[in-house]
Structures are given as C-alpha cells and as structure tokens.
Amino acid sequence: MFLINTRKRNKDKTFGHERMPKGQYRIYEFKKTSEGKEAKEMALEDIPTDKDTLLLIHGFNNDFKNVTSAYLDFEKKIRTAGFQDNVIG
C-alpha cells in the first residue's frame, strides 16, 4: 500500500508528529503495521499509472502505527471485494 505523508521521518525511520515544511511530502510503500521503520520511500513515478486509484484521507494527528493498521485492514477488505488497483492513503 502507498502512503503520501507530510510528517518528518526520524533518524530511526519512525514517524512522530512533526510536520515537513508546507507543501512538502514524501511517498512510502508499506506492507505491515509499523511505526514506519519498514516503510520504503518511493517516488511519485513509482505509483502505477495504468491502474485506477483509491485515495483514503484520514484525520489530523493520528499515530502512524494506528493509521497503517487501519489502512491495511481497509486494503484487505477492498481487495477481498475485488478491487485490485492502487490504494493510497
């Protein structure tokens, strides 16, 4: 699953609540619930453009571990329902 994130990544590769400067973001791919250590930084060009995209938007100031858990649960359900394209949080 891809995640577009505006939070700064700590030196230990976890995510806190500190934000990047306005207008900046990073894209990550993750496959399991974590604090971000396993998230792989990607480029916008890494997101397949030959597929439809489902974009999930969550509330402000949520814990990264909780967000990844909720997104992965949603992705599992949507894939079970037959959606096989891009899922981006």
Protein backbone atom coordinates (compact mmCIF):
# COMPACT_ATOMS: atom_id res chain seq x y z
CA MET A 1 0.00 0.00 0.00
CA PHE A 2 1.22 3.51 -0.76
CA LEU A 3 1.10 6.38 1.72
CA ILE A 4 1.55 10.07 0.99
CA ASN A 5 2.84 11.59 4.21
CA THR A 6 3.64 15.13 5.40
CA ARG A 7 5.34 14.07 8.63
CA LYS A 8 9.08 14.22 9.16
CA ARG A 9 10.80 10.87 9.43
CA ASN A 10 13.03 10.44 12.49
CA LYS A 11 16.61 9.19 12.25
CA ASP A 12 15.43 5.75 13.41
CA LYS A 13 12.94 5.79 10.48
CA THR A 14 9.86 6.10 12.71
CA PHE A 15 7.35 8.93 12.31
CA GLY A 16 6.43 11.43 15.01
CA HIS A 17 4.01 14.32 14.77
CA GLU A 18 6.42 16.97 13.48
CA ARG A 19 5.44 18.18 10.01
CA MET A 20 7.53 18.91 6.95
CA PRO A 21 7.50 22.47 5.62
CA LYS A 22 4.23 23.49 3.95
CA GLY A 23 3.82 21.94 0.52
CA GLN A 24 6.36 19.15 1.05
CA TYR A 25 5.51 15.45 1.26
CA ARG A 26 7.05 12.02 0.81
CA ILE A 27 5.63 8.81 -0.61
CA TYR A 28 6.13 5.45 1.08
CA GLU A 29 5.10 1.88 0.46
CA PHE A 30 4.35 -0.35 3.43
CA LYS A 31 3.13 -3.90 3.79
CA LYS A 32 2.70 -4.26 7.54
CA THR A 33 1.64 -2.21 10.55
CA SER A 34 4.60 -0.34 11.97
CA GLU A 35 5.88 2.98 13.22
CA GLY A 36 7.43 3.47 9.80
CA LYS A 37 10.72 1.58 10.10
CA GLU A 38 9.70 -0.86 7.36
CA ALA A 39 8.18 1.80 5.09
CA LYS A 40 10.10 2.09 1.83
CA GLU A 41 10.46 5.61 0.44
CA MET A 42 9.18 5.80 -3.12
CA ALA A 43 8.85 8.42 -5.84
CA LEU A 44 5.63 9.63 -7.40
CA GLU A 45 6.73 7.84 -10.57
CA ASP A 46 6.70 4.52 -8.67
CA ILE A 47 2.91 4.56 -8.37
CA PRO A 48 1.50 2.66 -11.36
CA THR A 49 -0.41 4.94 -13.73
CA ASP A 50 -2.06 2.14 -15.69
CA LYS A 51 -4.43 1.38 -12.80
CA ASP A 52 -7.34 3.11 -11.10
CA THR A 53 -6.53 4.67 -7.73
CA LEU A 54 -8.47 4.65 -4.48
CA LEU A 55 -7.35 7.52 -2.25
CA LEU A 56 -8.04 7.31 1.50
CA ILE A 57 -7.88 10.50 3.56
CA HIS A 58 -7.62 10.30 7.34
CA GLY A 59 -7.96 12.81 10.15
CA PHE A 60 -5.32 15.08 11.59
CA ASN A 61 -2.61 13.99 14.05
CA ASN A 62 -3.16 10.23 14.14
CA ASP A 63 -0.47 7.82 15.29
CA PHE A 64 1.41 6.31 12.33
CA LYS A 65 1.08 2.78 13.69
CA ASN A 66 -2.71 3.16 14.06
CA VAL A 67 -3.00 4.69 10.59
CA THR A 68 -1.06 1.90 8.89
CA SER A 69 -3.08 -0.71 10.74
CA ALA A 70 -6.40 0.87 9.70
CA TYR A 71 -5.26 1.36 6.09
CA LEU A 72 -4.01 -2.19 5.75
CA ASP A 73 -7.28 -3.54 7.21
CA PHE A 74 -9.23 -1.44 4.71
CA GLU A 75 -6.98 -2.52 1.84
CA LYS A 76 -7.52 -6.19 2.76
CA LYS A 77 -11.30 -5.72 2.76
CA ILE A 78 -11.36 -3.79 -0.53
CA ARG A 79 -9.13 -6.39 -2.21
CA THR A 80 -11.41 -9.18 -0.92
CA ALA A 81 -14.29 -7.29 -2.54
CA GLY A 82 -12.42 -7.42 -5.86
CA PHE A 83 -10.54 -4.09 -6.14
CA GLN A 84 -7.03 -4.84 -7.43
CA ASP A 85 -5.70 -1.38 -8.33
CA ASN A 86 -3.77 1.31 -6.41
CA VAL A 87 -4.70 2.07 -2.80
CA ILE A 88 -3.13 5.29 -1.47
CA GLY A 89 -3.52 6.82 1.97
